[in-house]
N, C-alpha and C. Protein backbone atom coordinates (compact mmCIF):
# COMPACT_ATOMS: atom_id res chain seq x y z
N MET A 1 36.38 28.92 -4.16
CA MET A 1 36.30 30.36 -4.26
C MET A 1 35.01 30.80 -3.58
N VAL A 2 35.14 31.70 -2.63
CA VAL A 2 33.99 32.20 -1.90
C VAL A 2 33.55 33.51 -2.53
N ILE A 3 32.25 33.64 -2.73
CA ILE A 3 31.70 34.89 -3.25
C ILE A 3 30.63 35.38 -2.29
N LYS A 4 30.39 36.68 -2.28
CA LYS A 4 29.40 37.25 -1.40
C LYS A 4 28.30 37.87 -2.26
N ARG A 5 27.06 37.54 -1.94
CA ARG A 5 25.94 38.05 -2.72
C ARG A 5 24.78 38.36 -1.79
N LYS A 6 24.32 39.61 -1.81
CA LYS A 6 23.18 40.04 -1.01
C LYS A 6 23.30 39.61 0.44
N GLY A 7 24.50 39.83 1.01
CA GLY A 7 24.70 39.52 2.41
C GLY A 7 24.96 38.05 2.70
N MET A 8 24.91 37.19 1.68
CA MET A 8 25.14 35.76 1.87
C MET A 8 26.49 35.39 1.29
N ILE A 9 27.15 34.43 1.91
CA ILE A 9 28.41 33.94 1.36
C ILE A 9 28.12 32.63 0.63
N MET A 10 28.47 32.56 -0.64
CA MET A 10 28.24 31.36 -1.45
C MET A 10 29.57 30.93 -2.05
N MET A 11 29.64 29.69 -2.48
CA MET A 11 30.86 29.18 -3.08
C MET A 11 30.55 28.64 -4.47
N ILE A 12 31.54 28.74 -5.35
CA ILE A 12 31.41 28.12 -6.66
C ILE A 12 31.54 26.61 -6.51
N ASP A 13 32.35 26.17 -5.53
CA ASP A 13 32.49 24.73 -5.28
C ASP A 13 31.13 24.07 -5.15
N GLY A 14 31.01 22.84 -5.65
CA GLY A 14 29.80 22.08 -5.42
C GLY A 14 29.27 21.42 -6.67
N ARG A 15 28.13 20.78 -6.50
CA ARG A 15 27.46 20.05 -7.58
C ARG A 15 26.28 20.86 -8.08
N PHE A 16 26.15 20.89 -9.41
CA PHE A 16 25.04 21.58 -10.04
C PHE A 16 24.34 20.63 -11.00
N ASP A 17 23.02 20.59 -10.94
CA ASP A 17 22.23 19.88 -11.94
C ASP A 17 22.03 20.85 -13.09
N ILE A 18 22.38 20.42 -14.30
CA ILE A 18 22.38 21.33 -15.45
C ILE A 18 21.50 20.82 -16.59
N VAL A 19 21.15 21.74 -17.48
CA VAL A 19 20.50 21.42 -18.75
C VAL A 19 21.27 22.16 -19.82
N MET A 20 21.75 21.41 -20.81
CA MET A 20 22.48 22.00 -21.94
C MET A 20 21.58 21.98 -23.16
N ASP A 21 21.45 23.14 -23.81
CA ASP A 21 20.65 23.26 -25.02
C ASP A 21 21.51 22.82 -26.20
N SER A 22 21.46 21.52 -26.53
CA SER A 22 22.32 20.95 -27.57
C SER A 22 21.59 20.89 -28.91
N PRO A 23 22.31 20.62 -30.01
CA PRO A 23 21.66 20.46 -31.30
C PRO A 23 20.65 19.31 -31.32
N MET A 24 20.77 18.39 -30.35
CA MET A 24 19.84 17.25 -30.24
C MET A 24 18.72 17.54 -29.25
N GLY A 25 18.58 18.81 -28.86
CA GLY A 25 17.57 19.19 -27.88
C GLY A 25 18.18 19.31 -26.50
N PRO A 26 17.37 19.69 -25.50
CA PRO A 26 17.87 19.85 -24.14
C PRO A 26 18.39 18.53 -23.57
N LYS A 27 19.58 18.58 -22.96
CA LYS A 27 20.20 17.39 -22.36
C LYS A 27 20.53 17.69 -20.90
N LYS A 28 20.07 16.81 -20.01
CA LYS A 28 20.33 16.97 -18.58
C LYS A 28 21.67 16.37 -18.21
N GLY A 29 22.29 16.93 -17.19
CA GLY A 29 23.56 16.43 -16.70
C GLY A 29 23.90 17.05 -15.37
N GLN A 30 25.16 16.89 -15.00
CA GLN A 30 25.65 17.45 -13.75
C GLN A 30 27.07 17.96 -13.96
N VAL A 31 27.43 18.95 -13.17
CA VAL A 31 28.81 19.41 -13.12
C VAL A 31 29.20 19.51 -11.65
N ILE A 32 30.42 19.07 -11.36
CA ILE A 32 30.95 19.18 -10.01
C ILE A 32 32.21 20.05 -10.10
N PHE A 33 32.19 21.15 -9.36
CA PHE A 33 33.32 22.08 -9.34
C PHE A 33 34.10 21.92 -8.05
N GLN A 34 35.43 21.92 -8.19
CA GLN A 34 36.34 21.95 -7.05
C GLN A 34 37.31 23.09 -7.32
N VAL A 35 37.34 24.06 -6.42
CA VAL A 35 38.17 25.25 -6.61
C VAL A 35 39.28 25.27 -5.58
N ASP A 36 40.49 25.52 -6.06
CA ASP A 36 41.66 25.68 -5.20
C ASP A 36 42.33 26.98 -5.63
N ASN A 37 42.19 28.02 -4.79
CA ASN A 37 42.63 29.37 -5.15
C ASN A 37 41.90 29.79 -6.43
N ASN A 38 42.58 29.98 -7.54
CA ASN A 38 41.92 30.36 -8.79
C ASN A 38 41.88 29.22 -9.79
N SER A 39 42.23 28.00 -9.36
CA SER A 39 42.22 26.84 -10.25
C SER A 39 40.92 26.06 -10.11
N LEU A 40 40.38 25.62 -11.23
CA LEU A 40 39.12 24.89 -11.27
C LEU A 40 39.35 23.48 -11.79
N SER A 41 38.81 22.50 -11.09
CA SER A 41 38.82 21.11 -11.55
C SER A 41 37.46 20.51 -11.22
N GLY A 42 37.26 19.26 -11.61
CA GLY A 42 36.00 18.59 -11.32
C GLY A 42 35.57 17.68 -12.45
N TYR A 43 34.24 17.55 -12.61
CA TYR A 43 33.67 16.64 -13.60
C TYR A 43 32.47 17.27 -14.27
N LEU A 44 32.35 17.03 -15.57
CA LEU A 44 31.17 17.41 -16.35
C LEU A 44 30.55 16.12 -16.85
N ASP A 45 29.37 15.79 -16.34
CA ASP A 45 28.67 14.56 -16.69
C ASP A 45 27.48 14.94 -17.58
N ILE A 46 27.62 14.72 -18.88
CA ILE A 46 26.60 15.14 -19.85
C ILE A 46 26.62 14.19 -21.04
N LEU A 47 25.49 13.99 -21.67
CA LEU A 47 25.35 13.13 -22.84
C LEU A 47 25.76 11.69 -22.55
N GLY A 48 25.64 11.28 -21.28
CA GLY A 48 25.95 9.91 -20.91
C GLY A 48 27.43 9.63 -20.69
N PHE A 49 28.25 10.67 -20.68
CA PHE A 49 29.69 10.50 -20.48
C PHE A 49 30.18 11.46 -19.39
N CYS A 50 31.15 11.00 -18.61
CA CYS A 50 31.76 11.82 -17.58
C CYS A 50 33.08 12.38 -18.12
N ASN A 51 33.17 13.69 -18.19
CA ASN A 51 34.35 14.38 -18.71
C ASN A 51 35.07 15.08 -17.57
N ILE A 52 36.37 14.85 -17.44
CA ILE A 52 37.16 15.44 -16.37
C ILE A 52 37.45 16.90 -16.70
N ILE A 53 37.28 17.77 -15.69
CA ILE A 53 37.63 19.18 -15.81
C ILE A 53 39.00 19.35 -15.18
N GLU A 54 39.95 19.82 -15.98
CA GLU A 54 41.30 20.09 -15.49
C GLU A 54 41.75 21.44 -16.03
N ASN A 55 42.59 22.10 -15.29
CA ASN A 55 43.20 23.36 -15.74
C ASN A 55 42.19 24.45 -16.05
N GLY A 56 41.05 24.43 -15.36
CA GLY A 56 40.11 25.54 -15.49
C GLY A 56 40.54 26.68 -14.59
N SER A 57 39.87 27.82 -14.72
CA SER A 57 40.22 28.97 -13.89
C SER A 57 38.97 29.65 -13.37
N VAL A 58 39.14 30.34 -12.24
CA VAL A 58 38.06 31.06 -11.58
C VAL A 58 38.54 32.47 -11.27
N THR A 59 37.69 33.44 -11.57
CA THR A 59 37.93 34.83 -11.18
C THR A 59 36.63 35.37 -10.60
N GLY A 60 36.60 35.56 -9.30
CA GLY A 60 35.36 36.01 -8.65
C GLY A 60 34.29 34.95 -8.81
N ASP A 61 33.15 35.33 -9.42
CA ASP A 61 32.06 34.37 -9.63
C ASP A 61 32.04 33.81 -11.05
N ARG A 62 33.10 34.08 -11.82
CA ARG A 62 33.19 33.62 -13.21
C ARG A 62 34.17 32.47 -13.32
N PHE A 63 33.90 31.55 -14.27
CA PHE A 63 34.77 30.40 -14.48
C PHE A 63 34.94 30.14 -15.96
N THR A 64 36.00 29.42 -16.29
CA THR A 64 36.23 28.97 -17.66
C THR A 64 37.02 27.67 -17.62
N PHE A 65 36.70 26.77 -18.53
CA PHE A 65 37.47 25.54 -18.70
C PHE A 65 37.24 25.01 -20.11
N SER A 66 38.14 24.16 -20.56
CA SER A 66 38.03 23.61 -21.91
C SER A 66 38.42 22.15 -21.88
N GLY A 67 38.08 21.46 -22.96
CA GLY A 67 38.41 20.05 -23.05
C GLY A 67 37.76 19.42 -24.25
N ASP A 68 37.65 18.12 -24.20
CA ASP A 68 36.99 17.34 -25.26
C ASP A 68 35.80 16.62 -24.66
N MET A 69 34.61 16.89 -25.20
CA MET A 69 33.38 16.29 -24.72
C MET A 69 33.09 15.03 -25.53
N LYS A 70 32.94 13.92 -24.82
CA LYS A 70 32.59 12.67 -25.48
C LYS A 70 31.10 12.67 -25.77
N THR A 71 30.74 12.20 -26.97
CA THR A 71 29.35 11.99 -27.33
C THR A 71 29.23 10.56 -27.87
N ALA A 72 28.05 10.15 -28.22
CA ALA A 72 27.85 8.79 -28.71
C ALA A 72 28.56 8.54 -30.04
N VAL A 73 28.77 9.59 -30.83
CA VAL A 73 29.33 9.40 -32.17
C VAL A 73 30.63 10.17 -32.44
N ASP A 74 31.06 11.00 -31.48
CA ASP A 74 32.19 11.88 -31.77
C ASP A 74 32.82 12.36 -30.47
N VAL A 75 33.93 13.02 -30.59
CA VAL A 75 34.55 13.76 -29.50
C VAL A 75 34.63 15.21 -29.98
N VAL A 76 34.04 16.12 -29.21
CA VAL A 76 33.92 17.51 -29.62
C VAL A 76 34.69 18.40 -28.66
N GLY A 77 35.62 19.19 -29.19
CA GLY A 77 36.34 20.15 -28.36
C GLY A 77 35.40 21.27 -27.94
N TYR A 78 35.62 21.79 -26.72
CA TYR A 78 34.76 22.86 -26.22
C TYR A 78 35.55 23.82 -25.35
N VAL A 79 35.01 25.01 -25.22
CA VAL A 79 35.43 26.00 -24.22
C VAL A 79 34.15 26.45 -23.53
N ILE A 80 34.10 26.29 -22.22
CA ILE A 80 32.91 26.70 -21.46
C ILE A 80 33.29 27.88 -20.58
N GLN A 81 32.48 28.95 -20.68
CA GLN A 81 32.64 30.13 -19.85
C GLN A 81 31.30 30.42 -19.20
N GLY A 82 31.35 30.79 -17.91
CA GLY A 82 30.10 31.08 -17.24
C GLY A 82 30.31 31.70 -15.87
N SER A 83 29.22 31.69 -15.11
CA SER A 83 29.28 32.27 -13.76
C SER A 83 28.31 31.53 -12.85
N VAL A 84 28.56 31.68 -11.56
CA VAL A 84 27.65 31.17 -10.53
C VAL A 84 27.25 32.36 -9.68
N GLU A 85 25.95 32.58 -9.61
CA GLU A 85 25.41 33.64 -8.75
C GLU A 85 24.47 32.98 -7.76
N GLY A 86 24.92 32.89 -6.52
CA GLY A 86 24.14 32.18 -5.51
C GLY A 86 24.10 30.71 -5.85
N ASP A 87 22.92 30.19 -6.11
CA ASP A 87 22.74 28.78 -6.46
C ASP A 87 22.48 28.56 -7.94
N ILE A 88 22.65 29.60 -8.77
CA ILE A 88 22.33 29.53 -10.19
C ILE A 88 23.61 29.58 -11.03
N LEU A 89 23.75 28.61 -11.92
CA LEU A 89 24.87 28.54 -12.86
C LEU A 89 24.36 28.90 -14.25
N THR A 90 25.06 29.78 -14.93
CA THR A 90 24.77 30.08 -16.34
C THR A 90 26.09 30.03 -17.09
N ALA A 91 26.07 29.42 -18.28
CA ALA A 91 27.30 29.27 -19.05
C ALA A 91 26.98 29.10 -20.53
N VAL A 92 28.02 29.22 -21.34
CA VAL A 92 27.94 28.94 -22.77
C VAL A 92 29.10 28.03 -23.13
N SER A 93 28.79 26.94 -23.83
CA SER A 93 29.80 26.02 -24.34
C SER A 93 30.00 26.34 -25.82
N LYS A 94 31.22 26.72 -26.17
CA LYS A 94 31.54 27.03 -27.57
C LYS A 94 32.21 25.81 -28.18
N THR A 95 31.61 25.28 -29.26
CA THR A 95 32.12 24.09 -29.93
C THR A 95 32.11 24.29 -31.44
N LYS A 96 32.70 23.34 -32.17
CA LYS A 96 32.66 23.39 -33.64
C LYS A 96 31.24 23.14 -34.15
N LYS A 97 30.37 22.60 -33.29
CA LYS A 97 28.97 22.36 -33.66
C LYS A 97 28.08 23.55 -33.31
N GLY A 98 28.69 24.62 -32.78
CA GLY A 98 27.93 25.81 -32.41
C GLY A 98 27.98 26.05 -30.91
N ASN A 99 27.37 27.14 -30.51
CA ASN A 99 27.32 27.50 -29.09
C ASN A 99 26.11 26.84 -28.44
N MET A 100 26.30 26.38 -27.20
CA MET A 100 25.22 25.73 -26.45
C MET A 100 25.11 26.39 -25.09
N THR A 101 23.91 26.83 -24.75
CA THR A 101 23.64 27.44 -23.45
C THR A 101 23.52 26.36 -22.39
N ILE A 102 24.09 26.62 -21.22
CA ILE A 102 23.99 25.70 -20.09
C ILE A 102 23.40 26.47 -18.92
N LEU A 103 22.34 25.95 -18.33
CA LEU A 103 21.71 26.53 -17.15
C LEU A 103 21.68 25.47 -16.07
N GLY A 104 21.87 25.87 -14.82
CA GLY A 104 21.87 24.89 -13.75
C GLY A 104 21.52 25.48 -12.40
N ASN A 105 21.23 24.57 -11.48
CA ASN A 105 20.93 24.89 -10.09
C ASN A 105 21.81 24.06 -9.19
N ARG A 106 22.29 24.69 -8.12
CA ARG A 106 23.11 23.98 -7.14
C ARG A 106 22.29 22.82 -6.55
N PHE A 107 22.92 21.65 -6.46
CA PHE A 107 22.29 20.49 -5.84
C PHE A 107 22.40 20.67 -4.33
N ILE A 108 21.27 20.66 -3.65
CA ILE A 108 21.24 20.79 -2.20
C ILE A 108 20.58 19.55 -1.63
N GLU A 109 21.33 18.82 -0.82
CA GLU A 109 20.79 17.60 -0.24
C GLU A 109 19.70 17.93 0.75
N GLN A 110 18.61 17.18 0.67
CA GLN A 110 17.49 17.35 1.59
C GLN A 110 17.80 16.62 2.89
N GLU A 111 17.56 17.28 4.00
CA GLU A 111 17.82 16.64 5.29
C GLU A 111 16.62 15.91 5.80
């Protein structure tokens, strides 16, 4: 999905380095988004586990997806809703353990 911001064209597609504010404190991870029309797929790598993103959706610069997040002691269902503005990702993960804020930056390879 292509979005336009301040004269620049940006895409939701790509890799983002993220920090999730979890009940165990801030946890670093990554998310990789792949957008096909309004469908979102990819991977959420957090808490030491890689979780597949399937059947997510995209509308403009906003996204949503749900699934089961693996942790060291449990599997927790979640719904994540957020947006990408330029290179900045902001989202909230809603779980039975409470809401967790997710902030991230687009990963840009250094040449």
